[in-house]
N, C-alpha and C. Protein backbone atom coordinates (compact mmCIF):
# COMPACT_ATOMS: atom_id res chain seq x y z
N UNK A 1 -35.23 21.43 -51.89
CA UNK A 1 -33.85 21.25 -51.47
C UNK A 1 -33.95 20.13 -49.99
N UNK A 2 -33.06 19.26 -50.14
CA UNK A 2 -33.53 17.99 -48.75
C UNK A 2 -33.32 18.24 -47.89
N UNK A 3 -33.74 18.17 -46.81
CA UNK A 3 -33.43 18.04 -45.20
C UNK A 3 -32.32 17.83 -45.07
N UNK A 4 -31.12 18.97 -44.20
CA UNK A 4 -30.16 18.18 -43.61
C UNK A 4 -30.56 17.30 -42.24
N UNK A 5 -31.48 17.00 -41.85
CA UNK A 5 -31.92 16.35 -40.48
C UNK A 5 -31.67 14.96 -40.91
N UNK A 6 -30.75 14.43 -40.39
CA UNK A 6 -31.05 13.40 -40.26
C UNK A 6 -32.60 12.44 -39.51
N UNK A 7 -32.80 10.97 -40.52
CA UNK A 7 -33.79 10.34 -39.54
C UNK A 7 -33.70 9.83 -38.48
N UNK A 8 -34.44 9.47 -37.89
CA UNK A 8 -34.59 9.15 -36.80
C UNK A 8 -33.98 7.34 -36.68
N UNK A 9 -32.89 7.06 -35.78
CA UNK A 9 -32.67 5.65 -35.54
C UNK A 9 -33.32 4.82 -35.62
N UNK A 10 -34.23 3.61 -35.82
CA UNK A 10 -35.08 2.77 -35.42
C UNK A 10 -34.69 2.00 -34.43
N UNK A 11 -35.54 1.93 -33.79
CA UNK A 11 -35.09 1.17 -32.27
C UNK A 11 -34.44 1.98 -31.30
N UNK A 12 -33.95 1.40 -30.21
CA UNK A 12 -33.15 2.53 -29.28
C UNK A 12 -31.60 2.21 -28.98
N UNK A 13 -31.55 3.58 -28.64
CA UNK A 13 -29.74 3.16 -28.59
C UNK A 13 -29.59 2.76 -26.74
N UNK A 14 -28.61 1.80 -26.93
CA UNK A 14 -28.43 0.99 -25.42
C UNK A 14 -26.81 0.98 -25.17
N UNK A 15 -26.64 0.98 -24.24
CA UNK A 15 -25.33 0.43 -23.95
C UNK A 15 -24.78 -0.25 -23.25
N UNK A 16 -23.81 -1.16 -23.54
CA UNK A 16 -23.09 -2.22 -22.96
C UNK A 16 -21.90 -2.57 -22.54
N UNK A 17 -21.79 -3.20 -21.76
CA UNK A 17 -20.51 -3.50 -20.67
C UNK A 17 -19.31 -4.06 -21.49
N UNK A 18 -18.02 -4.12 -21.16
CA UNK A 18 -17.24 -4.45 -22.50
C UNK A 18 -16.61 -5.79 -21.52
N UNK A 19 -16.60 -6.74 -22.22
CA UNK A 19 -16.90 -7.99 -22.11
C UNK A 19 -15.85 -8.71 -23.22
N UNK A 20 -14.86 -10.04 -22.80
CA UNK A 20 -14.08 -10.50 -23.45
C UNK A 20 -14.78 -10.94 -24.45
N UNK A 21 -15.96 -11.33 -24.66
CA UNK A 21 -16.78 -11.24 -26.48
C UNK A 21 -17.01 -10.48 -26.98
N UNK A 22 -16.93 -9.33 -26.42
CA UNK A 22 -17.08 -8.25 -27.54
C UNK A 22 -16.15 -7.08 -27.83
N UNK A 23 -14.81 -7.31 -26.89
CA UNK A 23 -13.62 -6.50 -27.17
C UNK A 23 -13.35 -6.28 -28.70
N UNK A 24 -13.30 -7.69 -29.25
CA UNK A 24 -13.08 -7.26 -30.64
C UNK A 24 -13.81 -6.22 -31.39
N UNK A 25 -15.05 -6.43 -31.25
CA UNK A 25 -15.87 -5.21 -32.05
C UNK A 25 -14.91 -3.96 -31.44
N UNK A 26 -14.58 -3.38 -30.15
CA UNK A 26 -14.32 -2.79 -29.75
C UNK A 26 -12.87 -2.04 -30.11
N UNK A 27 -12.20 -3.25 -30.78
CA UNK A 27 -10.97 -2.94 -31.42
C UNK A 27 -11.14 -2.40 -32.87
N UNK A 28 -12.11 -2.89 -33.39
CA UNK A 28 -12.42 -2.93 -34.98
C UNK A 28 -13.01 -1.29 -35.09
N UNK A 29 -14.05 -1.20 -33.73
CA UNK A 29 -14.19 0.22 -33.55
C UNK A 29 -13.57 1.33 -34.02
N UNK A 30 -12.84 0.75 -33.21
CA UNK A 30 -11.14 1.99 -32.51
C UNK A 30 -10.45 1.90 -34.09
N UNK A 31 -10.73 0.76 -35.33
CA UNK A 31 -9.38 1.00 -36.05
C UNK A 31 -9.71 1.84 -36.97
N UNK A 32 -11.66 2.26 -37.20
CA UNK A 32 -12.12 2.77 -37.46
C UNK A 32 -11.94 3.88 -37.36
N UNK A 33 -12.48 4.85 -36.04
CA UNK A 33 -13.01 5.69 -35.87
C UNK A 33 -11.57 6.66 -35.31
N UNK A 34 -10.17 6.34 -34.76
CA UNK A 34 -9.22 6.87 -34.58
C UNK A 34 -7.95 6.78 -35.55
N UNK A 35 -7.24 7.51 -35.17
CA UNK A 35 -6.04 7.37 -35.84
C UNK A 35 -4.83 7.03 -35.18
N UNK A 36 -4.97 6.42 -33.78
CA UNK A 36 -3.83 5.81 -33.14
C UNK A 36 -4.40 4.30 -33.35
N UNK A 37 -2.94 3.46 -33.04
CA UNK A 37 -3.02 1.83 -32.68
C UNK A 37 -3.12 1.58 -31.75
N UNK A 38 -4.21 1.59 -30.89
CA UNK A 38 -4.19 0.39 -29.23
C UNK A 38 -3.70 -0.30 -29.52
N UNK A 39 -2.73 -0.90 -28.50
CA UNK A 39 -2.39 -1.76 -27.70
C UNK A 39 -2.66 -2.87 -27.01
N UNK A 40 -2.81 -4.44 -27.60
CA UNK A 40 -3.01 -5.17 -26.83
C UNK A 40 -3.48 -4.98 -25.03
N UNK A 41 -2.16 -4.34 -24.59
CA UNK A 41 -2.18 -3.73 -23.29
C UNK A 41 -3.43 -2.84 -22.56
N UNK A 42 -3.90 -1.93 -24.16
CA UNK A 42 -4.86 -0.93 -23.47
C UNK A 42 -5.87 -1.99 -23.53
N UNK A 43 -6.34 -3.26 -24.49
CA UNK A 43 -7.29 -3.84 -24.21
C UNK A 43 -7.61 -4.40 -23.49
N UNK A 44 -6.69 -5.12 -22.53
CA UNK A 44 -6.30 -6.35 -21.12
C UNK A 44 -6.73 -4.79 -20.36
N UNK A 45 -6.04 -3.69 -20.28
CA UNK A 45 -6.03 -3.10 -19.19
C UNK A 45 -7.74 -2.09 -18.54
N UNK A 46 -8.64 -2.13 -19.93
CA UNK A 46 -9.72 -1.58 -20.36
C UNK A 46 -10.31 -2.39 -19.48
N UNK A 47 -10.10 -4.05 -19.77
CA UNK A 47 -11.25 -4.90 -19.58
C UNK A 47 -11.21 -5.18 -17.65
N UNK A 48 -9.90 -4.51 -17.45
CA UNK A 48 -10.15 -4.75 -15.93
C UNK A 48 -10.18 -3.45 -15.22
N UNK A 49 -10.80 -2.14 -15.82
CA UNK A 49 -10.44 -0.98 -15.07
C UNK A 49 -12.11 -1.20 -14.33
N UNK A 50 -11.91 -0.18 -13.30
CA UNK A 50 -13.16 -0.29 -12.65
C UNK A 50 -14.21 0.62 -12.75
N UNK A 51 -13.71 1.26 -13.48
CA UNK A 51 -14.99 2.52 -14.34
C UNK A 51 -15.25 1.65 -15.56
N UNK A 52 -16.39 1.17 -15.67
CA UNK A 52 -17.15 0.19 -17.05
C UNK A 52 -17.10 0.92 -18.19
N UNK A 53 -15.99 0.30 -19.30
CA UNK A 53 -16.32 1.10 -20.47
C UNK A 53 -17.45 0.64 -21.40
N UNK A 54 -17.85 1.49 -21.74
CA UNK A 54 -19.33 0.24 -22.63
C UNK A 54 -18.86 1.43 -24.15
N UNK A 55 -19.58 0.35 -25.00
CA UNK A 55 -19.97 1.03 -25.94
C UNK A 55 -21.57 0.88 -26.52
N UNK A 56 -21.97 1.22 -27.56
CA UNK A 56 -23.29 1.41 -27.60
C UNK A 56 -23.91 0.87 -29.24
N UNK A 57 -25.10 0.70 -29.10
CA UNK A 57 -25.62 -0.20 -30.32
C UNK A 57 -27.19 0.44 -30.95
N UNK A 58 -27.41 0.04 -31.70
CA UNK A 58 -29.04 0.21 -32.51
C UNK A 58 -28.62 -0.84 -32.93
N UNK A 59 -28.93 -2.11 -32.96
CA UNK A 59 -28.86 -3.64 -33.49
C UNK A 59 -27.04 -3.25 -34.47
N UNK A 60 -26.53 -2.87 -34.47
CA UNK A 60 -25.04 -2.52 -34.77
C UNK A 60 -24.33 -2.01 -34.10
N UNK A 61 -22.84 -2.57 -33.68
CA UNK A 61 -22.32 -1.17 -33.15
C UNK A 61 -22.43 -0.37 -33.90
N UNK A 62 -22.27 0.89 -33.33
CA UNK A 62 -22.37 2.51 -34.06
C UNK A 62 -21.05 2.79 -33.38
N UNK A 63 -20.92 2.43 -32.47
CA UNK A 63 -19.96 3.93 -31.32
C UNK A 63 -19.52 3.29 -30.24
N UNK A 64 -18.36 3.97 -29.56
CA UNK A 64 -17.63 3.26 -28.18
C UNK A 64 -17.05 4.54 -27.60
N UNK A 65 -17.36 4.14 -25.94
CA UNK A 65 -16.79 5.52 -24.72
C UNK A 65 -15.68 4.58 -24.27
N UNK A 66 -14.67 4.92 -23.85
CA UNK A 66 -14.21 4.76 -22.73
C UNK A 66 -13.37 5.51 -21.55
N UNK A 67 -13.21 4.81 -20.79
CA UNK A 67 -12.76 5.91 -19.55
C UNK A 67 -11.97 5.34 -18.19
N UNK A 68 -11.06 5.77 -17.61
CA UNK A 68 -10.48 5.29 -16.97
C UNK A 68 -10.77 6.55 -15.47
N UNK A 69 -10.43 5.86 -14.42
CA UNK A 69 -10.65 6.55 -13.03
C UNK A 69 -9.01 6.66 -12.83
N UNK A 70 -8.73 7.95 -12.47
CA UNK A 70 -7.08 8.28 -12.18
C UNK A 70 -7.34 9.18 -11.01
N UNK A 71 -7.23 8.63 -9.85
CA UNK A 71 -7.14 9.06 -8.50
C UNK A 71 -8.80 9.33 -8.75
N UNK A 72 -8.53 11.14 -8.40
CA UNK A 72 -10.03 12.07 -8.40
C UNK A 72 -10.34 12.80 -9.45
N UNK A 73 -9.80 12.03 -10.70
CA UNK A 73 -10.20 12.52 -11.84
C UNK A 73 -10.66 11.03 -12.82
N UNK A 74 -11.60 11.52 -13.62
CA UNK A 74 -11.90 10.51 -14.52
C UNK A 74 -11.17 10.99 -16.15
N UNK A 75 -10.41 10.09 -16.56
CA UNK A 75 -9.81 10.19 -17.85
C UNK A 75 -11.00 9.69 -19.38
N UNK A 76 -11.01 10.45 -20.29
CA UNK A 76 -11.81 9.54 -21.38
C UNK A 76 -10.97 9.66 -22.23
N UNK A 77 -10.75 8.45 -22.59
CA UNK A 77 -9.80 7.99 -23.53
C UNK A 77 -10.13 7.85 -25.07
N UNK A 78 -11.42 7.49 -25.03
CA UNK A 78 -12.02 7.72 -26.08
C UNK A 78 -13.40 7.59 -26.43
N UNK A 79 -13.89 8.15 -27.52
CA UNK A 79 -15.43 8.57 -27.47
C UNK A 79 -15.52 8.86 -29.06
N UNK A 80 -16.18 7.96 -29.68
CA UNK A 80 -16.22 8.06 -30.84
C UNK A 80 -17.76 7.37 -31.72
N UNK A 81 -18.32 7.95 -32.74
CA UNK A 81 -19.11 7.67 -33.53
C UNK A 81 -18.76 7.10 -35.05
N UNK A 82 -19.47 6.03 -35.35
CA UNK A 82 -19.01 5.53 -36.60
C UNK A 82 -19.59 7.23 -37.81
N UNK A 83 -19.16 7.39 -39.01
CA UNK A 83 -19.80 8.59 -39.40
C UNK A 83 -20.99 9.26 -39.65
N UNK A 84 -21.28 7.29 -40.31
CA UNK A 84 -23.01 7.88 -40.51
C UNK A 84 -24.10 7.92 -39.67
N UNK A 85 -23.49 7.58 -38.44
CA UNK A 85 -24.74 8.45 -37.35
C UNK A 85 -24.43 9.45 -36.87
N UNK A 86 -23.13 9.86 -37.41
CA UNK A 86 -23.18 11.29 -36.27
C UNK A 86 -23.61 12.36 -36.36
N UNK A 87 -24.07 13.24 -36.14
CA UNK A 87 -25.07 14.62 -36.07
C UNK A 87 -26.63 14.09 -35.43
N UNK A 88 -26.28 12.91 -34.67
CA UNK A 88 -27.77 12.31 -33.63
C UNK A 88 -28.03 12.68 -32.31
N UNK A 89 -27.11 12.92 -32.06
CA UNK A 89 -26.37 13.56 -30.27
C UNK A 89 -25.92 12.17 -29.68
N UNK A 90 -26.06 11.01 -30.78
CA UNK A 90 -25.90 9.99 -30.03
C UNK A 90 -24.31 9.86 -29.39
N UNK A 91 -23.22 10.52 -29.46
CA UNK A 91 -22.06 11.31 -28.87
C UNK A 91 -22.56 12.08 -27.77
N UNK A 92 -23.09 12.77 -27.63
CA UNK A 92 -24.16 13.85 -26.66
C UNK A 92 -24.62 12.82 -25.66
N UNK A 93 -25.51 11.91 -25.95
CA UNK A 93 -25.90 10.98 -25.00
C UNK A 93 -25.01 10.25 -24.42
N UNK A 94 -23.99 9.42 -25.17
CA UNK A 94 -22.95 8.74 -24.19
C UNK A 94 -22.16 9.90 -23.27
N UNK A 95 -21.92 11.03 -24.11
CA UNK A 95 -20.78 12.00 -22.74
C UNK A 95 -21.52 12.22 -21.52
N UNK A 96 -23.06 12.76 -22.18
CA UNK A 96 -23.97 12.89 -20.66
C UNK A 96 -24.11 11.92 -19.94
N UNK A 97 -24.10 10.94 -20.54
CA UNK A 97 -23.99 9.66 -19.51
C UNK A 97 -23.22 9.49 -18.36
N UNK A 98 -21.84 9.72 -19.05
CA UNK A 98 -20.51 9.28 -18.63
C UNK A 98 -20.14 10.83 -17.65
N UNK A 99 -20.86 12.17 -17.80
CA UNK A 99 -20.93 13.28 -17.22
C UNK A 99 -21.65 12.95 -15.79
N UNK A 100 -22.93 12.37 -16.03
CA UNK A 100 -24.06 12.17 -14.83
C UNK A 100 -23.36 11.12 -13.92
N UNK A 101 -22.27 9.86 -14.70
CA UNK A 101 -21.60 8.85 -13.43
C UNK A 101 -20.88 9.79 -12.62
N UNK A 102 -20.13 10.49 -13.08
CA UNK A 102 -18.74 10.98 -12.29
C UNK A 102 -19.37 12.18 -11.34
N UNK A 103 -20.65 12.70 -11.71
CA UNK A 103 -21.00 13.58 -10.71
C UNK A 103 -22.02 13.10 -9.39
N UNK A 104 -22.10 11.54 -9.74
CA UNK A 104 -22.67 10.95 -8.70
C UNK A 104 -21.80 10.06 -8.10
N UNK A 105 -20.68 10.02 -8.66
CA UNK A 105 -19.64 8.97 -8.09
C UNK A 105 -18.91 9.26 -7.05
N UNK A 106 -18.53 9.14 -5.53
CA UNK A 106 -18.30 9.30 -3.89
C UNK A 106 -17.53 9.01 -3.68
N UNK A 107 -16.71 7.67 -4.53
CA UNK A 107 -15.78 6.80 -3.26
C UNK A 107 -14.76 6.58 -4.70
N UNK A 108 -13.55 7.16 -5.04
CA UNK A 108 -13.99 8.72 -4.73
C UNK A 108 -14.52 9.67 -5.25
N UNK A 109 -14.68 10.71 -4.51
CA UNK A 109 -15.43 11.69 -5.60
C UNK A 109 -14.92 12.05 -6.68
N UNK A 110 -15.08 12.19 -7.45
CA UNK A 110 -14.34 12.82 -9.02
C UNK A 110 -14.71 14.02 -9.07
N UNK A 111 -13.38 14.76 -9.19
CA UNK A 111 -13.57 16.40 -9.33
C UNK A 111 -13.51 16.93 -10.92
N UNK A 112 -13.17 15.91 -12.01
CA UNK A 112 -12.64 16.45 -12.87
C UNK A 112 -12.49 15.64 -13.92
N UNK A 113 -13.12 15.80 -15.31
CA UNK A 113 -13.29 14.68 -16.44
C UNK A 113 -12.43 15.34 -17.68
N UNK A 114 -10.91 14.67 -17.64
CA UNK A 114 -10.00 15.59 -18.29
C UNK A 114 -10.19 14.07 -20.02
N UNK A 115 -9.25 14.93 -20.90
CA UNK A 115 -9.45 14.14 -21.83
C UNK A 115 -8.18 14.97 -23.03
N UNK A 116 -7.79 14.05 -24.29
CA UNK A 116 -6.59 14.94 -25.24
C UNK A 116 -7.70 14.83 -26.19
N UNK A 117 -7.16 15.76 -27.29
CA UNK A 117 -7.83 16.02 -28.56
C UNK A 117 -7.12 16.62 -29.65
N UNK A 118 -6.05 16.02 -30.72
CA UNK A 118 -5.53 16.42 -31.50
C UNK A 118 -5.28 17.71 -31.93
N UNK A 119 -4.56 18.40 -32.31
CA UNK A 119 -4.45 19.45 -32.27
C UNK A 119 -5.47 19.82 -33.72
N UNK A 120 -5.29 19.10 -34.57
CA UNK A 120 -5.72 19.52 -36.11
C UNK A 120 -7.40 18.89 -36.11
N UNK A 121 -7.87 18.27 -34.93
CA UNK A 121 -9.50 17.98 -34.72
C UNK A 121 -10.17 19.09 -34.07
N UNK A 122 -10.53 20.09 -34.50
CA UNK A 122 -11.26 21.36 -34.91
C UNK A 122 -13.14 20.60 -33.97
N UNK A 123 -13.36 20.30 -34.70
CA UNK A 123 -14.56 19.28 -34.90
C UNK A 123 -14.53 19.12 -33.39
N UNK A 124 -13.80 17.83 -32.70
CA UNK A 124 -13.77 17.48 -31.18
C UNK A 124 -13.64 18.31 -30.82
N UNK A 125 -12.88 19.40 -30.71
CA UNK A 125 -12.40 20.28 -29.92
C UNK A 125 -14.24 21.01 -29.64
N UNK A 126 -14.49 21.75 -30.17
CA UNK A 126 -15.79 21.97 -30.50
C UNK A 126 -16.86 21.58 -29.58
N UNK A 127 -16.87 20.09 -29.77
CA UNK A 127 -18.05 19.28 -29.58
C UNK A 127 -17.84 18.72 -27.89
N UNK A 128 -16.78 18.88 -27.52
CA UNK A 128 -16.57 18.87 -26.10
C UNK A 128 -16.71 19.78 -25.30
N UNK A 129 -16.20 21.18 -26.19
CA UNK A 129 -17.04 22.56 -25.42
C UNK A 129 -18.05 22.80 -25.02
N UNK A 130 -18.84 22.51 -26.18
CA UNK A 130 -20.15 22.33 -26.44
C UNK A 130 -21.15 21.90 -25.12
N UNK A 131 -19.72 20.84 -24.56
CA UNK A 131 -20.72 19.99 -23.56
C UNK A 131 -20.00 20.26 -21.61
N UNK A 132 -19.45 21.68 -21.96
CA UNK A 132 -18.52 22.74 -20.62
C UNK A 132 -17.23 22.01 -20.52
N UNK A 133 -15.89 21.26 -21.38
CA UNK A 133 -15.40 21.50 -20.97
C UNK A 133 -14.41 22.55 -21.98
N UNK A 134 -13.29 23.01 -21.23
CA UNK A 134 -12.16 24.10 -22.21
C UNK A 134 -11.13 23.30 -21.88
N UNK A 135 -10.38 24.15 -22.45
CA UNK A 135 -9.17 23.99 -22.84
C UNK A 135 -7.95 24.45 -21.73
N UNK A 136 -7.01 23.22 -21.14
CA UNK A 136 -6.44 23.65 -19.77
C UNK A 136 -5.07 23.97 -20.35
N UNK A 137 -4.67 23.40 -21.85
CA UNK A 137 -3.42 23.28 -22.36
C UNK A 137 -3.37 22.72 -23.50
N UNK A 138 -1.91 22.71 -23.89
CA UNK A 138 -1.80 22.10 -25.15
C UNK A 138 -0.36 20.67 -25.05
N UNK A 139 -0.70 19.68 -25.14
CA UNK A 139 0.49 18.50 -24.40
C UNK A 139 0.85 18.64 -26.25
N UNK A 140 2.44 18.51 -26.26
CA UNK A 140 3.37 18.80 -26.83
C UNK A 140 3.66 17.50 -27.36
N UNK A 141 3.32 17.09 -28.60
CA UNK A 141 3.96 15.55 -28.45
C UNK A 141 3.32 14.46 -27.81
N UNK A 142 2.02 14.89 -27.99
CA UNK A 142 1.42 13.90 -27.11
C UNK A 142 1.32 12.33 -27.58
N UNK A 143 1.04 12.68 -29.41
CA UNK A 143 1.01 11.36 -30.19
C UNK A 143 2.66 11.47 -30.58
N UNK A 144 2.52 10.41 -30.30
CA UNK A 144 4.31 9.43 -30.98
C UNK A 144 4.07 9.10 -32.49
N UNK A 145 3.01 8.85 -32.91
CA UNK A 145 3.34 8.10 -34.28
C UNK A 145 2.27 8.38 -35.22
N UNK A 146 1.51 10.24 -34.84
CA UNK A 146 0.61 10.72 -36.12
C UNK A 146 0.89 12.02 -36.29
N UNK A 147 0.26 12.72 -37.29
CA UNK A 147 0.65 13.98 -37.28
C UNK A 147 -0.36 14.57 -37.41
N UNK A 148 -0.61 16.12 -36.89
CA UNK A 148 0.18 16.66 -35.98
C UNK A 148 0.72 16.08 -34.23
N UNK A 149 1.47 16.01 -33.87
CA UNK A 149 1.57 15.05 -32.60
C UNK A 149 1.13 16.10 -31.39
N UNK A 150 1.05 16.94 -31.05
CA UNK A 150 0.23 17.86 -30.64
C UNK A 150 -1.25 17.59 -29.88
N UNK A 151 -1.84 17.96 -28.82
CA UNK A 151 -3.23 17.97 -28.48
C UNK A 151 -3.75 18.95 -27.14
N UNK A 152 -4.33 19.27 -27.67
CA UNK A 152 -5.46 19.87 -26.77
C UNK A 152 -5.44 18.91 -25.63
N UNK A 153 -5.36 19.54 -24.13
CA UNK A 153 -5.98 18.74 -22.79
C UNK A 153 -7.29 19.92 -22.54
N UNK A 154 -8.49 19.11 -22.54
CA UNK A 154 -9.62 19.61 -22.25
C UNK A 154 -9.75 19.05 -20.97
N UNK A 155 -10.63 19.80 -20.26
CA UNK A 155 -11.34 19.66 -18.94
C UNK A 155 -12.91 20.09 -18.38
N UNK A 156 -13.07 19.17 -17.70
CA UNK A 156 -14.39 19.69 -17.25
C UNK A 156 -14.74 19.08 -15.78
N UNK A 157 -14.44 20.59 -14.88
CA UNK A 157 -14.84 20.39 -13.72
C UNK A 157 -16.12 19.93 -12.91
N UNK A 158 -16.19 18.57 -12.66
CA UNK A 158 -17.99 18.13 -11.70
C UNK A 158 -18.19 18.98 -10.70
N UNK A 159 -19.63 19.45 -11.09
CA UNK A 159 -20.55 20.06 -9.94
C UNK A 159 -21.16 18.36 -9.07
N UNK A 160 -21.23 18.63 -8.19
CA UNK A 160 -21.48 17.32 -6.88
C UNK A 160 -22.50 18.50 -5.93
N UNK A 161 -23.51 17.75 -5.62
CA UNK A 161 -24.55 18.30 -4.75
C UNK A 161 -24.11 18.66 -3.60
N UNK A 162 -24.79 19.20 -2.27
CA UNK A 162 -24.31 19.48 -1.08
C UNK A 162 -24.23 17.62 -0.59
N UNK A 163 -23.13 17.78 0.66
CA UNK A 163 -22.87 16.46 1.09
C UNK A 163 -24.26 15.75 1.94
N UNK A 164 -24.47 14.69 1.65
CA UNK A 164 -25.73 13.73 2.49
C UNK A 164 -25.21 13.69 3.89
C-alpha cells in the first residue's frame, strides 16, 4: 500500500510582496483556485492596500493569500493553494502568518479576522475551523454569479498580549 504522506517540497517556501510585475501571476492563480472572477478594480485595490498582500513560491507560484484592513478587522479575501501542493501545510503556514501579523498589529489593534466561504465548500470551512475560526452566520446571496450563492461567515477573535 502506498503512503499517503506527500513528499516534502524541495527548497523553502517563501512569501513575496504583491507588485505590478507579479499581479498577472496572482490573476492566473485566482482563475484556477476560485470560482469567482475578480474584477480589474479588485486587482487595483489590492495593489494599493495597507495590508501587504502576498503569495508564496517554491520555485513556482503555488498559491496566494490576500486580505484587507477594514477598521479594526482584517478581512481575508482569498487563500488558495494549487491542488498538487495541498495537504503539505502550506495553507496553514500562510494563514498562521496572517494570524500572527494581526495579533502584532497595533495601529489600529485588529480585533478579529473574518472571511466568507461558499456553503458548498465544507473542506475550506473545516480548514478554517481547525485554525480557530468559528461560524458567525450565513450571508444569503453573497455570491452573485455562482451557485450556491450563500456563504458562511467565519471569524477568529484575535488575542493580544498585555499593553506595553
